[in-house]
N, C-alpha and C. Protein backbone atom coordinates (compact mmCIF):
# COMPACT_ATOMS: atom_id res chain seq x y z
N MET A 1 33.45 253.47 91.66
CA MET A 1 34.40 252.49 92.20
C MET A 1 34.15 251.28 91.20
N ARG A 2 33.17 250.87 90.28
CA ARG A 2 33.19 250.11 89.31
C ARG A 2 34.30 250.11 88.29
N TYR A 3 34.45 251.54 87.82
CA TYR A 3 35.37 251.97 86.94
C TYR A 3 36.79 251.72 87.50
N ILE A 4 37.19 251.83 88.66
CA ILE A 4 38.35 251.48 89.31
C ILE A 4 38.59 249.98 89.28
N THR A 5 37.74 249.29 89.52
CA THR A 5 37.94 247.87 89.42
C THR A 5 37.84 247.40 88.14
N LEU A 6 37.26 247.71 87.21
CA LEU A 6 37.31 247.35 85.93
C LEU A 6 38.69 247.59 85.44
N ALA A 7 39.01 248.87 85.73
CA ALA A 7 40.43 249.40 85.15
C ALA A 7 41.63 248.43 85.83
N ALA A 8 41.62 247.88 86.86
CA ALA A 8 42.32 247.16 87.39
C ALA A 8 42.57 245.84 87.04
N PHE A 9 41.23 245.07 86.85
CA PHE A 9 41.20 244.04 86.16
C PHE A 9 41.89 244.06 84.72
N LEU A 10 41.45 245.05 84.02
CA LEU A 10 42.10 245.25 82.68
C LEU A 10 43.82 245.14 82.61
N ALA A 11 44.13 246.02 83.50
CA ALA A 11 45.51 246.21 83.68
C ALA A 11 46.14 244.89 84.21
N SER A 12 45.73 244.20 84.87
CA SER A 12 46.22 243.05 85.47
C SER A 12 46.25 241.87 84.43
N SER A 13 45.10 241.90 83.44
CA SER A 13 44.92 240.76 82.73
C SER A 13 46.04 241.27 81.22
N THR A 14 46.31 242.50 81.15
CA THR A 14 47.17 242.79 80.08
C THR A 14 48.46 242.41 80.49
N ILE A 15 48.80 242.66 81.72
CA ILE A 15 50.23 242.46 82.35
C ILE A 15 50.29 240.92 82.30
N HIS A 16 49.50 240.21 82.59
CA HIS A 16 49.67 238.60 82.75
C HIS A 16 49.63 238.04 81.14
N ALA A 17 48.83 238.72 80.38
CA ALA A 17 48.96 238.22 78.97
C ALA A 17 50.08 238.23 78.39
N GLN A 18 50.85 239.19 78.80
CA GLN A 18 52.43 239.35 78.19
C GLN A 18 53.50 238.61 78.84
N ASP A 19 53.13 237.93 79.92
CA ASP A 19 54.18 237.35 80.68
C ASP A 19 54.73 236.07 79.95
N ILE A 20 56.08 236.17 79.58
CA ILE A 20 56.84 235.12 79.11
C ILE A 20 57.11 233.99 79.93
N THR A 21 56.97 234.31 81.26
CA THR A 21 57.67 233.14 82.27
C THR A 21 56.74 231.76 82.30
N GLY A 22 57.20 230.84 82.59
CA GLY A 22 56.61 229.54 82.74
C GLY A 22 57.10 228.42 81.83
N ARG A 23 56.29 227.40 81.62
CA ARG A 23 56.64 226.33 80.90
C ARG A 23 55.86 226.13 79.68
N TRP A 24 56.68 226.17 78.45
CA TRP A 24 56.38 226.45 77.21
C TRP A 24 56.49 225.09 76.41
N VAL A 25 55.42 224.54 75.80
CA VAL A 25 55.87 223.40 74.78
C VAL A 25 56.19 223.73 73.38
N THR A 26 57.31 223.25 72.87
CA THR A 26 57.74 223.58 71.77
C THR A 26 57.13 222.43 70.41
N VAL A 27 57.09 222.95 69.38
CA VAL A 27 56.39 222.10 68.52
C VAL A 27 57.34 222.10 67.17
N ASP A 28 57.38 220.94 66.59
CA ASP A 28 58.32 220.73 65.57
C ASP A 28 57.59 221.39 64.29
N ASP A 29 58.37 222.28 63.36
CA ASP A 29 57.88 222.89 62.39
C ASP A 29 57.35 222.10 61.17
N ASN A 30 58.10 220.83 61.18
CA ASN A 30 57.70 219.95 59.96
C ASN A 30 56.59 219.11 60.29
N THR A 31 56.52 218.33 61.49
CA THR A 31 55.76 217.53 61.90
C THR A 31 54.73 217.77 62.56
N GLY A 32 54.67 218.86 63.30
CA GLY A 32 53.45 219.31 64.15
C GLY A 32 53.59 218.77 65.46
N LYS A 33 54.47 217.90 65.65
CA LYS A 33 54.46 217.03 67.02
C LYS A 33 55.21 217.87 67.93
N GLN A 34 54.77 217.76 69.16
CA GLN A 34 55.58 218.49 70.33
C GLN A 34 56.90 217.60 70.56
N ARG A 35 57.67 218.65 70.97
CA ARG A 35 59.22 217.99 70.76
C ARG A 35 59.64 218.23 72.42
N SER A 36 59.50 219.21 72.98
CA SER A 36 59.99 219.55 74.41
C SER A 36 59.39 220.69 75.21
N VAL A 37 59.51 220.69 76.33
CA VAL A 37 59.09 221.81 77.25
C VAL A 37 60.22 222.59 77.66
N VAL A 38 60.15 224.03 77.52
CA VAL A 38 60.97 225.07 77.83
C VAL A 38 60.63 225.91 79.01
N GLU A 39 61.33 225.73 80.03
CA GLU A 39 60.78 226.73 81.15
C GLU A 39 61.66 228.12 81.06
N ILE A 40 60.91 229.19 81.10
CA ILE A 40 61.62 230.53 81.05
C ILE A 40 61.26 231.13 82.17
N THR A 41 62.38 231.70 82.84
CA THR A 41 62.56 232.55 84.11
C THR A 41 63.20 234.05 83.69
N VAL A 42 62.83 234.71 84.72
CA VAL A 42 63.60 235.98 84.65
C VAL A 42 64.22 236.03 85.87
N LYS A 43 65.60 236.43 85.81
CA LYS A 43 66.18 236.86 87.01
C LYS A 43 67.32 238.24 86.64
N ASN A 44 67.17 239.19 87.56
CA ASN A 44 68.02 240.49 87.38
C ASN A 44 67.66 241.10 86.23
N GLY A 45 66.36 241.15 85.71
CA GLY A 45 65.92 241.72 84.37
C GLY A 45 66.16 240.98 83.22
N LYS A 46 66.81 239.67 83.17
CA LYS A 46 67.07 238.99 82.15
C LYS A 46 66.32 237.69 81.94
N ALA A 47 65.89 237.36 80.73
CA ALA A 47 65.00 236.25 80.67
C ALA A 47 65.93 235.09 80.10
N SER A 48 65.77 233.65 80.61
CA SER A 48 66.27 232.51 80.22
C SER A 48 65.45 231.52 79.82
N GLY A 49 65.88 230.60 79.10
CA GLY A 49 65.01 229.30 79.04
C GLY A 49 65.64 228.20 78.86
N ARG A 50 65.35 227.06 79.66
CA ARG A 50 65.92 225.82 79.52
C ARG A 50 64.97 224.70 79.26
N ILE A 51 65.71 223.72 78.67
CA ILE A 51 64.70 222.57 78.37
C ILE A 51 64.84 221.59 79.64
N VAL A 52 63.32 221.57 80.08
CA VAL A 52 62.90 220.91 81.12
C VAL A 52 62.28 219.46 81.00
N GLU A 53 61.78 219.21 79.61
CA GLU A 53 61.33 218.03 79.34
C GLU A 53 61.80 217.59 77.94
N ILE A 54 61.98 216.45 77.43
CA ILE A 54 61.94 216.18 76.00
C ILE A 54 60.93 214.81 75.89
N PHE A 55 59.98 214.99 75.00
CA PHE A 55 58.92 214.05 74.73
C PHE A 55 59.47 212.87 74.42
N ASP A 56 60.53 212.82 73.17
CA ASP A 56 61.02 211.64 72.66
C ASP A 56 62.07 211.07 73.70
N LYS A 57 61.65 210.06 74.32
CA LYS A 57 62.49 209.53 75.43
C LYS A 57 63.71 209.03 75.11
N SER A 58 63.72 208.83 73.74
CA SER A 58 65.18 208.26 73.11
C SER A 58 66.28 209.08 73.28
N LYS A 59 65.81 210.49 73.36
CA LYS A 59 66.67 211.68 73.18
C LYS A 59 66.97 212.22 74.44
N ALA A 60 66.42 211.72 75.47
CA ALA A 60 66.61 212.30 76.80
C ALA A 60 68.12 212.22 77.23
N ASP A 61 68.94 211.30 76.81
CA ASP A 61 70.33 211.49 77.18
C ASP A 61 71.20 212.05 76.08
N LYS A 62 70.68 212.71 75.07
CA LYS A 62 71.39 213.18 73.96
C LYS A 62 72.33 214.28 74.60
N THR A 63 73.41 214.58 73.81
CA THR A 63 74.30 215.63 74.29
C THR A 63 74.51 216.73 73.12
N CYS A 64 74.72 217.49 73.06
CA CYS A 64 74.99 218.58 72.01
C CYS A 64 76.45 218.57 71.63
N GLU A 65 76.45 217.87 70.66
CA GLU A 65 78.02 217.77 70.10
C GLU A 65 78.20 218.90 69.11
N ALA A 66 77.27 219.15 68.50
CA ALA A 66 77.22 220.47 67.40
C ALA A 66 77.49 221.86 68.11
N CYS A 67 77.31 221.94 69.39
CA CYS A 67 77.48 223.06 69.92
C CYS A 67 78.95 223.61 70.07
N THR A 68 79.32 224.79 69.69
CA THR A 68 80.47 225.53 69.71
C THR A 68 81.05 226.29 70.99
N ASP A 69 80.01 226.36 71.73
CA ASP A 69 80.30 227.18 72.97
C ASP A 69 80.53 226.37 74.13
N ASP A 70 80.12 227.01 75.38
CA ASP A 70 80.17 226.22 76.70
C ASP A 70 79.03 225.18 76.84
N ARG A 71 78.25 224.89 75.90
CA ARG A 71 77.18 223.82 76.02
C ARG A 71 77.77 222.56 75.08
N LYS A 72 79.12 222.76 74.63
CA LYS A 72 79.38 221.53 73.83
C LYS A 72 79.50 220.10 74.83
N ALA A 73 79.00 219.16 74.27
CA ALA A 73 78.96 217.95 74.62
C ALA A 73 77.89 217.64 75.96
N LYS A 74 77.43 218.80 76.49
CA LYS A 74 76.50 218.83 77.63
C LYS A 74 75.16 218.26 77.07
N LYS A 75 74.43 217.59 78.03
CA LYS A 75 73.21 217.09 77.90
C LYS A 75 72.19 218.39 77.50
N ILE A 76 71.43 217.88 76.53
CA ILE A 76 70.33 218.82 76.02
C ILE A 76 69.16 219.09 77.04
N LEU A 77 68.80 217.71 77.84
CA LEU A 77 67.86 217.96 79.07
C LEU A 77 68.60 218.81 79.95
N GLY A 78 67.86 220.01 80.29
CA GLY A 78 68.57 220.84 81.18
C GLY A 78 69.07 221.97 80.89
N MET A 79 69.65 221.90 79.56
CA MET A 79 70.37 223.00 78.72
C MET A 79 69.61 224.23 78.76
N ASP A 80 70.43 225.44 78.96
CA ASP A 80 69.90 226.78 78.53
C ASP A 80 69.87 226.73 77.01
N ILE A 81 68.89 227.29 76.50
CA ILE A 81 68.96 227.52 74.98
C ILE A 81 68.32 228.85 74.69
N ILE A 82 67.79 229.65 75.72
CA ILE A 82 67.56 231.00 75.53
C ILE A 82 68.54 231.87 76.82
N ARG A 83 69.15 232.84 76.04
CA ARG A 83 69.86 233.64 77.05
C ARG A 83 69.88 234.98 76.97
N ASP A 84 69.94 235.77 78.22
CA ASP A 84 70.17 237.16 78.19
C ASP A 84 69.00 238.15 77.44
N MET A 85 67.69 237.68 77.55
CA MET A 85 66.78 238.42 76.86
C MET A 85 66.44 239.52 77.63
N VAL A 86 66.43 240.91 77.31
CA VAL A 86 65.84 241.92 78.00
C VAL A 86 64.51 242.37 77.50
N GLN A 87 63.58 242.82 78.47
CA GLN A 87 62.27 243.41 78.15
C GLN A 87 62.40 244.86 77.56
N ASP A 88 61.52 245.09 76.29
CA ASP A 88 61.50 246.23 75.96
C ASP A 88 59.92 246.29 75.43
N ASP A 89 59.05 247.13 76.43
CA ASP A 89 57.67 247.03 76.24
C ASP A 89 57.00 245.68 76.32
N ASP A 90 56.40 245.11 75.16
CA ASP A 90 55.79 244.03 75.20
C ASP A 90 56.67 242.84 74.70
N THR A 91 57.79 243.14 74.44
CA THR A 91 58.74 242.13 73.57
C THR A 91 59.86 242.06 74.50
N TRP A 92 60.57 240.77 74.54
CA TRP A 92 61.90 240.52 75.08
C TRP A 92 62.68 240.55 74.01
N GLU A 93 64.09 241.07 73.85
CA GLU A 93 64.90 240.84 72.66
C GLU A 93 66.41 241.07 73.37
N ASP A 94 67.32 241.07 72.22
CA ASP A 94 68.54 241.18 72.49
C ASP A 94 69.42 240.27 73.11
N GLY A 95 68.79 238.91 73.09
CA GLY A 95 69.25 237.81 73.63
C GLY A 95 69.49 236.81 72.44
N THR A 96 69.72 235.59 72.82
CA THR A 96 69.90 234.77 71.75
C THR A 96 69.15 233.41 72.28
N ILE A 97 69.02 232.52 71.06
CA ILE A 97 68.41 231.04 71.00
C ILE A 97 69.34 230.15 70.37
N MET A 98 69.38 229.24 71.08
CA MET A 98 70.37 228.18 70.23
C MET A 98 69.44 226.72 70.03
N ASP A 99 69.78 226.42 68.80
CA ASP A 99 69.13 225.04 68.41
C ASP A 99 69.87 224.05 68.84
N PRO A 100 69.63 223.22 69.58
CA PRO A 100 70.32 222.04 70.06
C PRO A 100 70.50 221.10 69.00
N ASP A 101 69.59 221.12 68.02
CA ASP A 101 69.88 219.72 67.03
C ASP A 101 71.20 220.30 66.09
N ASN A 102 71.45 221.43 65.79
CA ASN A 102 72.64 221.75 65.00
C ASN A 102 73.68 222.66 65.61
N GLY A 103 73.40 223.19 66.76
CA GLY A 103 74.35 224.03 67.78
C GLY A 103 74.08 225.40 67.40
N LYS A 104 73.40 225.88 66.40
CA LYS A 104 73.69 227.01 65.83
C LYS A 104 72.83 228.00 66.74
N ILE A 105 73.51 229.19 66.90
CA ILE A 105 72.97 230.28 67.91
C ILE A 105 72.55 231.29 67.00
N TYR A 106 71.27 231.86 67.12
CA TYR A 106 70.60 232.72 66.71
C TYR A 106 70.35 234.18 67.57
N ASP A 107 70.25 235.48 67.12
CA ASP A 107 69.59 236.47 67.70
C ASP A 107 68.08 236.07 67.95
N CYS A 108 67.50 236.62 68.89
CA CYS A 108 66.16 236.35 69.34
C CYS A 108 65.25 237.41 69.92
N LYS A 109 63.97 237.14 69.62
CA LYS A 109 63.03 238.08 70.14
C LYS A 109 61.90 237.23 70.42
N LEU A 110 61.14 237.41 71.71
CA LEU A 110 60.04 236.94 72.27
C LEU A 110 58.94 237.79 72.63
N TRP A 111 57.65 237.22 72.25
CA TRP A 111 56.51 238.12 72.73
C TRP A 111 55.40 237.12 72.73
N VAL A 112 54.44 237.60 73.52
CA VAL A 112 53.22 236.84 73.39
C VAL A 112 51.90 237.20 72.84
N GLU A 113 51.31 236.57 71.92
CA GLU A 113 50.23 237.12 71.10
C GLU A 113 49.32 235.89 71.22
N ASP A 114 47.97 236.40 71.63
CA ASP A 114 46.99 235.50 71.75
C ASP A 114 47.38 234.56 72.56
N GLY A 115 48.01 234.57 73.61
CA GLY A 115 48.13 233.63 74.77
C GLY A 115 49.31 232.65 74.32
N GLU A 116 49.67 232.71 73.03
CA GLU A 116 51.01 231.79 72.82
C GLU A 116 52.13 232.62 72.66
N LEU A 117 53.36 231.97 72.80
CA LEU A 117 54.79 232.73 72.60
C LEU A 117 55.16 232.61 71.42
N GLN A 118 55.54 233.73 71.00
CA GLN A 118 56.12 233.80 69.60
C GLN A 118 57.61 233.91 69.77
N VAL A 119 58.55 232.99 69.20
CA VAL A 119 59.79 232.84 69.25
C VAL A 119 60.47 233.04 68.07
N ARG A 120 61.15 234.12 67.90
CA ARG A 120 61.79 234.37 66.53
C ARG A 120 63.29 234.48 66.57
N GLY A 121 63.79 233.42 65.76
CA GLY A 121 65.47 233.31 65.83
C GLY A 121 65.78 234.12 64.65
N TYR A 122 66.70 234.85 64.33
CA TYR A 122 67.15 235.56 63.30
C TYR A 122 68.65 235.85 62.97
N VAL A 123 69.01 235.84 61.74
CA VAL A 123 70.53 236.49 61.56
C VAL A 123 70.06 237.35 60.32
N ALA A 124 70.65 238.73 60.44
CA ALA A 124 70.40 240.02 59.88
C ALA A 124 68.95 239.97 59.42
N PHE A 125 68.50 239.91 58.07
CA PHE A 125 67.20 239.97 57.74
C PHE A 125 66.34 238.82 57.42
N PHE A 126 67.18 237.75 57.82
CA PHE A 126 66.37 236.30 57.59
C PHE A 126 65.94 235.99 59.12
N PHE A 127 64.75 235.32 59.17
CA PHE A 127 64.24 234.97 60.45
C PHE A 127 63.12 233.67 60.27
N ARG A 128 63.06 233.15 61.19
CA ARG A 128 62.04 232.05 61.42
C ARG A 128 61.39 232.25 62.57
N THR A 129 60.16 232.12 62.71
CA THR A 129 59.24 232.28 63.91
C THR A 129 58.46 231.05 64.37
N GLN A 130 58.54 230.62 65.49
CA GLN A 130 57.87 229.46 65.93
C GLN A 130 56.77 229.81 66.78
N THR A 131 55.87 229.31 67.17
CA THR A 131 54.82 229.32 68.10
C THR A 131 54.85 228.27 69.22
N TRP A 132 55.01 228.59 70.18
CA TRP A 132 55.06 228.00 71.40
C TRP A 132 53.83 228.01 72.26
N VAL A 133 53.22 226.86 73.07
CA VAL A 133 52.16 227.05 73.75
C VAL A 133 52.28 226.54 75.16
N ARG A 134 51.62 227.36 76.07
CA ARG A 134 51.71 227.35 77.34
C ARG A 134 51.40 225.94 77.88
N GLU A 135 52.43 225.14 78.54
CA GLU A 135 51.98 223.96 79.06
C GLU A 135 50.81 223.99 79.88
N VAL A 136 49.92 222.96 79.92
CA VAL A 136 48.82 222.66 80.75
C VAL A 136 48.75 221.25 81.55
N LYS A 137 48.83 221.43 82.71
CA LYS A 137 49.12 220.58 83.69
C LYS A 137 47.81 220.02 84.41
């Protein structure tokens, strides 16, 4: 009986450790300052993420003038920046991420490593990976 309980605990902690849903704090690559909170949800097998908080209050009403798709001139606060991610084992891929500062859209891959969300945006063989941390309230 102890082994079954231990196995169930290990299986549930592994599943939870790989859960990308929830609120994640983004960090500026250059300054190390917190920038925003992105909430990731899964609906019908596809993950998406939207900006739910911007720490620099002077940017709270900013719109995405550089965007070239349906997000053009829309408020960044509340905007979907991650779209159409599908799960493949421990990673989520085949979707996109958009940088609201420049409007550029990148292919995307997400995975949890050591409790932190690894967010990789890439074009062909060139990529950049950011580490986002789970919001603590």
